[in-house]
Amino acid sequence: MTALGAAAALVLAACGGEGAGGSSSGNEGSAPEDLTIGVSMPTQTSERWIADGENVQEQLEELGYEVDLQYAGDDIPTQSQQVDQMITQGADVLIIAAIDGTALSSQLQAAADAGIPVISYDRLIRDSENVDFYVTFDNFAVGVAQAESLVEGLGEGGPFNIELFAGSLDDNNAFFFFEGAMSVLQPLIDDGTLVVKSGQTDIEQVATLRWQQETAQKRMEDLLTSTYNDGSRVDGVLSPYDGLSRGIITALQNAGYGPTTDGGAQPMPIVTGQDAEIASVKLIADSVQYSTIFKDTRDLAEQAVIAAEAFLDGDEPEANNTEDYDNGVKVVPSFLLPVETVTADNIQTALVDSGYWTAEEVESGQAE
């Protein structure tokens, strides 16, 4: 169902048919407390997704809506079951951050049949016409910013040895991040300024299933053993997410990179990241991780809420991109938010002054 189609379904429901969520009347004019928004988040193992879920829930509840927030534990059958349950229990709108962007086709069809609009949240749901709207950040720009911070951290000169990491291949965003990064890095690889010593430069070679920190740590350990056992050093690592960055950093520290109690060790390579997770912000403040990309989940939640309200009013949400996010079946109308690179130099202005983290949280590396 297209966004316009979803809106039309709601309008028709108001004229006497079955409405979204199986109500006997449409949503226009319904009080928020009579409407339920189903919110499906992928996992609670990442503080980023916890924050997303809480932000969406809080903003919807402030407007008076009932919210059914579920986390799927990074388990695809669990998420499918949770979304099925939201539909059968009469959700009026679904906001879904999918674990696997291709695994919810039957649920989306059921939602379409029930006249329930579907908002894809941050991760584009693929291979279905029944995705009505997409709210996300400018994910290509995220990759560009990560690569630019890597190059900035490396400084002048070269050649520099770098290694590349990407996200999970079942997450459409991973491709945007990687393509954005390679648009910056490939010319420097081609002219010899940057050297990927392992030779692993294709996303299929460098992907990290489910974005798992342990998987990234193991791959970095394998790279150090197989490629850097000749006395050469790693100068930089492109990491697309803070959790992966911490796994990569652990592998590097175990191999002797970074300061030690006896004052030895090689300098820590430049390591990028994403999501401004507090543990990584602490590492950046301590000059261990170089950078992260800040994506303010409060703003993303706000856009999801705005889109949900538009659908409930029988309208079509405002999109600022109607060309780039093709899910394999259709181009999904999207709203893209900007991002900001954070290094040690701007933790205060970007994260503390904005109220995202407190100075005490940055100091301790733990969320209060």
Protein backbone atom coordinates (compact mmCIF):
# COMPACT_ATOMS: atom_id res chain seq x y z
CA MET A 1 0.00 0.00 0.00
CA THR A 2 1.30 3.42 -0.85
CA ALA A 3 1.14 6.31 1.60
CA LEU A 4 -1.68 7.79 -0.45
CA GLY A 5 -3.38 4.43 -0.48
CA ALA A 6 -3.16 4.17 3.29
CA ALA A 7 -4.63 7.62 3.68
CA ALA A 8 -7.41 6.74 1.25
CA ALA A 9 -8.18 3.59 3.22
CA LEU A 10 -8.64 5.65 6.34
CA VAL A 11 -10.87 8.13 4.53
CA LEU A 12 -13.04 5.31 3.16
CA ALA A 13 -13.25 3.84 6.63
CA ALA A 14 -14.67 7.11 7.87
CA CYS A 15 -17.47 6.72 5.34
CA GLY A 16 -18.79 3.59 7.06
CA GLY A 17 -16.41 0.72 6.26
CA GLU A 18 -14.01 -1.13 8.50
CA GLY A 19 -11.28 1.22 9.70
CA ALA A 20 -7.66 0.66 10.59
CA GLY A 21 -7.34 -1.73 13.46
CA GLY A 22 -10.78 -3.16 12.74
CA SER A 23 -12.79 -0.29 14.25
CA SER A 24 -16.22 0.37 12.88
CA SER A 25 -15.42 3.99 12.08
CA GLY A 26 -12.44 5.89 10.75
CA ASN A 27 -9.78 7.54 12.87
CA GLU A 28 -10.56 11.12 11.88
CA GLY A 29 -12.04 12.80 14.92
CA SER A 30 -11.11 9.93 17.22
CA ALA A 31 -9.54 10.93 20.52
CA PRO A 32 -5.88 9.91 20.85
CA GLU A 33 -6.67 7.77 23.87
CA ASP A 34 -8.92 5.66 21.64
CA LEU A 35 -6.07 4.92 19.22
CA THR A 36 -3.15 2.52 19.59
CA ILE A 37 0.26 2.78 17.95
CA GLY A 38 2.27 -0.42 17.64
CA VAL A 39 6.02 0.19 17.95
CA SER A 40 8.34 -2.70 17.06
CA MET A 41 12.04 -2.28 17.88
CA PRO A 42 14.73 -4.85 17.04
CA THR A 43 16.68 -5.28 20.27
CA GLN A 44 17.55 -4.05 23.73
CA THR A 45 21.19 -5.08 23.44
CA SER A 46 22.02 -1.65 22.00
CA GLU A 47 21.37 1.45 24.08
CA ARG A 48 20.58 3.26 20.84
CA TRP A 49 17.46 1.10 20.21
CA ILE A 50 16.37 1.40 23.82
CA ALA A 51 16.52 5.17 23.45
CA ASP A 52 14.58 5.02 20.17
CA GLY A 53 11.79 2.97 21.68
CA GLU A 54 11.55 5.12 24.78
CA ASN A 55 11.57 8.35 22.77
CA VAL A 56 8.82 7.20 20.42
CA GLN A 57 6.73 5.90 23.30
CA GLU A 58 7.17 9.02 25.40
CA GLN A 59 6.28 11.42 22.60
CA LEU A 60 3.19 9.43 21.57
CA GLU A 61 1.98 9.08 25.15
CA GLU A 62 2.43 12.81 25.71
CA LEU A 63 -0.11 13.28 22.91
CA GLY A 64 -2.48 10.84 24.58
CA TYR A 65 -2.06 7.75 22.38
CA GLU A 66 -1.92 4.21 23.69
CA VAL A 67 1.45 2.66 22.78
CA ASP A 68 2.30 -1.02 22.39
CA LEU A 69 6.12 -1.03 22.45
CA GLN A 70 7.83 -4.37 21.86
CA TYR A 71 11.50 -5.36 21.56
CA ALA A 72 12.30 -8.49 19.56
CA GLY A 73 15.65 -9.51 21.03
CA ASP A 74 17.27 -9.57 17.57
CA ASP A 75 15.14 -12.63 16.79
CA ILE A 76 13.25 -12.50 13.48
CA PRO A 77 10.44 -14.97 14.42
CA THR A 78 9.86 -13.01 17.64
CA GLN A 79 9.49 -9.73 15.77
CA SER A 80 7.14 -11.36 13.24
CA GLN A 81 5.00 -12.73 16.08
CA GLN A 82 4.96 -9.38 17.88
CA VAL A 83 3.85 -7.50 14.77
CA ASP A 84 1.18 -10.13 14.08
CA GLN A 85 -0.10 -9.61 17.62
CA MET A 86 -0.18 -5.82 17.21
CA ILE A 87 -2.32 -6.24 14.10
CA THR A 88 -4.76 -8.69 15.65
CA GLN A 89 -5.10 -6.53 18.76
CA GLY A 90 -6.15 -3.56 16.66
CA ALA A 91 -3.19 -1.24 16.22
CA ASP A 92 -4.12 1.86 14.22
CA VAL A 93 -0.57 2.56 12.96
CA LEU A 94 2.60 0.48 13.01
CA ILE A 95 6.10 1.90 13.49
CA ILE A 96 8.65 -0.81 12.72
CA ALA A 97 12.44 -0.94 12.94
CA ALA A 98 13.01 -4.30 11.29
CA ILE A 99 15.68 -6.81 12.27
CA ASP A 100 15.71 -8.19 8.73
CA GLY A 101 14.32 -5.77 6.19
CA THR A 102 12.97 -8.60 4.03
CA ALA A 103 11.32 -10.79 6.67
CA LEU A 104 7.96 -9.13 7.35
CA SER A 105 6.11 -9.45 4.04
CA SER A 106 3.17 -11.46 5.38
CA GLN A 107 2.75 -9.13 8.35
CA LEU A 108 2.79 -6.08 6.10
CA GLN A 109 0.17 -7.64 3.84
CA ALA A 110 -2.01 -8.30 6.87
CA ALA A 111 -1.57 -4.69 7.94
CA ALA A 112 -2.51 -3.46 4.47
CA ASP A 113 -5.58 -5.70 4.42
CA ALA A 114 -6.63 -4.18 7.75
CA GLY A 115 -5.99 -0.62 6.56
CA ILE A 116 -3.12 -0.10 9.00
CA PRO A 117 -0.41 2.30 7.75
CA VAL A 118 3.18 1.12 8.21
CA ILE A 119 6.04 3.49 9.00
CA SER A 120 9.48 2.03 8.46
CA TYR A 121 11.71 3.36 11.23
CA ASP A 122 15.40 4.00 10.42
CA ARG A 123 15.85 0.62 8.68
CA LEU A 124 14.08 0.42 5.33
CA ILE A 125 11.71 -2.54 5.05
CA ARG A 126 12.36 -4.15 1.69
CA ASP A 127 10.57 -6.17 -0.98
CA SER A 128 7.04 -5.08 -0.08
CA GLU A 129 4.62 -2.55 -1.53
CA ASN A 130 3.00 -2.26 1.89
CA VAL A 131 5.45 0.24 3.34
CA ASP A 132 3.81 3.63 3.53
CA PHE A 133 6.52 5.94 4.84
CA TYR A 134 10.16 5.89 5.94
CA VAL A 135 11.78 8.04 8.63
CA THR A 136 15.56 7.92 8.88
CA PHE A 137 18.77 9.89 8.83
CA ASP A 138 20.73 10.71 5.68
CA ASN A 139 22.50 7.36 5.72
CA PHE A 140 24.78 8.01 2.74
CA ALA A 141 25.88 11.18 4.52
CA VAL A 142 26.62 9.09 7.62
CA GLY A 143 29.11 7.02 5.63
CA VAL A 144 30.66 10.12 4.09
CA ALA A 145 31.08 11.66 7.54
CA GLN A 146 32.65 8.49 8.94
CA ALA A 147 35.18 8.33 6.11
CA GLU A 148 35.97 12.02 6.34
CA SER A 149 36.65 11.70 10.07
CA LEU A 150 38.90 8.70 9.42
CA VAL A 151 40.92 10.68 6.89
CA GLU A 152 41.02 13.70 9.19
CA GLY A 153 42.26 11.57 12.07
CA LEU A 154 44.99 9.98 9.98
CA GLY A 155 46.30 13.41 8.99
CA GLU A 156 48.77 14.30 6.29
CA GLY A 157 51.15 11.89 4.63
CA GLY A 158 50.72 8.19 4.05
CA PRO A 159 50.49 5.57 2.91
CA PHE A 160 48.29 4.50 5.83
CA ASN A 161 47.16 0.94 6.48
CA ILE A 162 43.42 0.77 7.09
CA GLU A 163 40.79 -1.94 7.45
CA LEU A 164 37.11 -1.70 6.58
CA PHE A 165 34.08 -2.92 8.53
CA ALA A 166 30.44 -2.77 7.45
CA GLY A 167 27.13 -3.56 9.10
CA SER A 168 24.74 -6.45 8.61
CA LEU A 169 23.79 -7.34 5.04
CA ASP A 170 20.14 -7.77 6.05
CA ASP A 171 20.03 -4.09 7.06
CA ASN A 172 19.54 -1.79 4.07
CA ASN A 173 21.31 1.02 5.92
CA ALA A 174 24.57 -0.91 5.93
CA PHE A 175 24.84 -0.44 2.18
CA PHE A 176 24.21 3.30 2.36
CA PHE A 177 26.81 3.69 5.12
CA PHE A 178 29.40 1.71 3.17
CA GLU A 179 28.71 3.36 -0.17
CA GLY A 180 28.95 6.80 1.42
CA ALA A 181 32.23 5.92 3.07
CA MET A 182 33.73 4.41 -0.06
CA SER A 183 32.84 7.49 -2.09
CA VAL A 184 35.46 9.23 0.05
CA LEU A 185 37.93 6.40 0.62
CA GLN A 186 38.09 4.74 -2.82
CA PRO A 187 39.96 7.59 -4.55
CA LEU A 188 42.52 7.56 -1.74
CA ILE A 189 42.85 3.79 -2.01
CA ASP A 190 43.30 4.12 -5.75
CA ASP A 191 46.10 6.70 -5.43
CA GLY A 192 47.91 4.73 -2.71
CA THR A 193 47.33 7.15 0.17
CA LEU A 194 45.29 4.45 1.91
CA VAL A 195 46.14 0.75 1.78
CA VAL A 196 43.65 -1.94 2.77
CA LYS A 197 46.37 -4.43 3.65
CA SER A 198 43.99 -7.39 3.97
CA GLY A 199 42.64 -6.74 0.48
CA GLN A 200 39.10 -7.01 1.84
CA THR A 201 37.22 -4.12 0.27
CA ASP A 202 33.86 -5.57 -0.81
CA ILE A 203 30.92 -5.18 1.54
CA GLU A 204 30.29 -8.92 1.47
CA GLN A 205 33.83 -9.44 2.84
CA VAL A 206 33.63 -6.83 5.57
CA ALA A 207 30.00 -7.15 6.71
CA THR A 208 29.12 -7.94 10.33
CA LEU A 209 26.03 -10.08 10.82
CA ARG A 210 23.47 -8.50 13.19
CA TRP A 211 25.96 -5.75 13.99
CA GLN A 212 27.46 -7.96 16.72
CA GLN A 213 30.35 -6.54 18.75
CA GLU A 214 31.83 -9.99 19.33
CA THR A 215 31.81 -10.74 15.60
CA ALA A 216 33.70 -7.52 14.87
CA GLN A 217 36.23 -8.26 17.61
CA LYS A 218 36.87 -11.76 16.23
CA ARG A 219 37.33 -10.45 12.68
CA MET A 220 39.75 -7.77 13.87
CA GLU A 221 41.71 -10.41 15.79
CA ASP A 222 41.86 -12.57 12.67
CA LEU A 223 43.04 -9.61 10.57
CA LEU A 224 45.81 -8.81 13.04
CA THR A 225 46.95 -12.43 13.06
CA SER A 226 46.77 -13.01 9.32
CA THR A 227 47.78 -9.63 7.89
CA TYR A 228 49.76 -7.68 10.47
CA ASN A 229 52.10 -10.40 11.76
CA ASP A 230 55.01 -8.94 9.78
CA GLY A 231 55.66 -5.94 12.02
CA SER A 232 53.34 -3.59 10.13
CA ARG A 233 50.66 -1.65 12.00
CA VAL A 234 47.05 -0.72 11.53
CA ASP A 235 46.68 3.03 11.20
CA GLY A 236 42.91 3.31 10.92
CA VAL A 237 39.68 1.33 10.95
CA LEU A 238 36.40 2.31 9.31
CA SER A 239 33.74 1.14 11.75
CA PRO A 240 30.08 1.96 11.01
CA TYR A 241 28.72 1.56 14.57
CA ASP A 242 29.97 2.16 18.10
CA GLY A 243 29.29 -1.39 19.26
CA LEU A 244 31.51 -2.72 16.48
CA SER A 245 34.07 -0.04 17.33
CA ARG A 246 34.35 -1.26 20.91
CA GLY A 247 34.91 -4.83 19.73
CA ILE A 248 37.54 -3.65 17.26
CA ILE A 249 39.24 -1.58 19.96
CA THR A 250 39.30 -4.53 22.35
CA ALA A 251 41.06 -6.64 19.71
CA LEU A 252 43.57 -3.84 19.07
CA GLN A 253 44.25 -3.33 22.78
CA ASN A 254 44.77 -7.05 23.27
CA ALA A 255 47.33 -6.91 20.44
CA GLY A 256 49.30 -4.12 22.17
CA TYR A 257 47.81 -0.98 20.66
CA GLY A 258 47.17 1.96 22.94
CA PRO A 259 48.85 2.98 26.22
CA THR A 260 49.92 0.44 28.81
CA THR A 261 50.94 0.75 32.44
CA ASP A 262 54.63 0.61 31.53
CA GLY A 263 54.28 3.44 29.04
CA GLY A 264 54.78 1.24 25.98
CA ALA A 265 52.50 0.19 23.12
CA GLN A 266 51.77 1.45 19.66
CA PRO A 267 49.47 4.44 19.19
CA MET A 268 45.81 3.47 18.93
CA PRO A 269 44.58 3.49 15.31
CA ILE A 270 41.95 6.00 14.24
CA VAL A 271 38.61 4.22 14.78
CA THR A 272 35.28 5.68 13.68
CA GLY A 273 31.79 4.87 14.92
CA GLN A 274 28.11 5.80 14.95
CA ASP A 275 25.25 6.45 17.37
CA ALA A 276 27.11 8.32 20.15
CA GLU A 277 26.64 5.45 22.59
CA ILE A 278 27.82 6.59 26.00
CA ALA A 279 30.52 3.91 26.35
CA SER A 280 32.04 5.08 23.07
CA VAL A 281 31.66 8.76 23.95
CA LYS A 282 33.76 7.99 27.03
CA LEU A 283 36.37 6.30 24.80
CA ILE A 284 36.41 9.36 22.55
CA ALA A 285 36.87 11.66 25.56
CA ASP A 286 39.78 9.41 26.62
CA SER A 287 41.38 9.51 23.13
CA VAL A 288 40.80 5.80 22.49
CA GLN A 289 38.06 5.94 19.84
CA TYR A 290 38.44 8.86 17.44
CA SER A 291 34.89 9.73 16.39
CA THR A 292 31.25 8.79 16.28
CA ILE A 293 28.31 10.01 14.21
CA PHE A 294 25.58 11.56 16.33
CA LYS A 295 22.05 10.81 15.17
CA ASP A 296 19.63 12.46 17.57
CA THR A 297 17.00 9.78 18.16
CA ARG A 298 14.74 12.36 19.79
CA ASP A 299 14.36 14.04 16.40
CA LEU A 300 13.83 10.72 14.62
CA ALA A 301 11.13 9.76 17.10
CA GLU A 302 9.48 13.14 16.54
CA GLN A 303 9.31 12.56 12.78
CA ALA A 304 7.82 9.10 13.31
CA VAL A 305 5.15 10.63 15.55
CA ILE A 306 4.42 13.38 13.00
CA ALA A 307 4.01 10.76 10.26
CA ALA A 308 1.76 8.61 12.46
CA GLU A 309 -0.48 11.58 13.25
CA ALA A 310 -0.73 12.47 9.56
CA PHE A 311 -1.95 8.97 8.74
CA LEU A 312 -4.42 9.02 11.62
CA ASP A 313 -5.80 12.30 10.26
CA GLY A 314 -6.27 10.74 6.84
CA ASP A 315 -3.39 12.72 5.36
CA GLU A 316 -0.08 11.86 3.72
CA PRO A 317 3.06 12.66 5.76
CA GLU A 318 5.41 15.26 4.37
CA ALA A 319 8.46 13.70 2.68
CA ASN A 320 11.74 15.44 1.88
CA ASN A 321 13.06 12.59 -0.27
CA THR A 322 10.99 10.74 -2.85
CA GLU A 323 13.78 9.37 -5.05
CA ASP A 324 16.52 7.50 -3.18
CA TYR A 325 14.88 4.84 -1.01
CA ASP A 326 13.79 2.06 -3.34
CA ASN A 327 12.87 -1.03 -1.33
CA GLY A 328 12.96 -3.31 -4.36
CA VAL A 329 9.26 -2.91 -5.12
CA LYS A 330 8.65 0.82 -4.78
CA VAL A 331 10.34 4.07 -3.90
CA VAL A 332 9.19 4.74 -0.36
CA PRO A 333 8.49 8.40 0.47
CA SER A 334 10.95 9.35 3.17
CA PHE A 335 11.90 12.00 5.68
CA LEU A 336 15.68 12.29 6.18
CA LEU A 337 17.34 13.95 9.17
CA PRO A 338 20.85 15.44 9.33
CA VAL A 339 23.78 13.97 11.27
CA GLU A 340 26.78 15.40 13.14
CA THR A 341 30.34 14.10 13.56
CA VAL A 342 31.51 14.05 17.18
CA THR A 343 35.17 14.00 18.25
CA ALA A 344 36.76 14.91 21.57
CA ASP A 345 36.64 18.55 20.49
CA ASN A 346 32.85 18.87 20.37
CA ILE A 347 31.45 16.36 22.88
CA GLN A 348 30.37 19.27 25.05
CA THR A 349 28.56 21.27 22.40
CA ALA A 350 27.06 18.37 20.45
CA LEU A 351 26.06 15.98 23.22
CA VAL A 352 26.11 17.70 26.61
CA ASP A 353 24.77 21.15 25.74
CA SER A 354 22.00 19.51 23.67
CA GLY A 355 20.93 17.45 26.68
CA TYR A 356 21.58 14.11 25.00
CA TRP A 357 24.14 13.07 27.64
CA THR A 358 25.18 14.76 30.86
CA ALA A 359 28.77 15.65 31.74
CA GLU A 360 28.58 13.04 34.52
CA GLU A 361 27.53 10.34 32.07
CA VAL A 362 30.39 11.22 29.73
CA GLU A 363 32.82 11.08 32.64
CA SER A 364 31.62 7.69 33.85
CA GLY A 365 30.81 6.16 30.47
CA GLN A 366 27.46 4.99 31.80
CA ALA A 367 23.92 6.20 31.29
CA GLU A 368 22.16 7.25 34.45
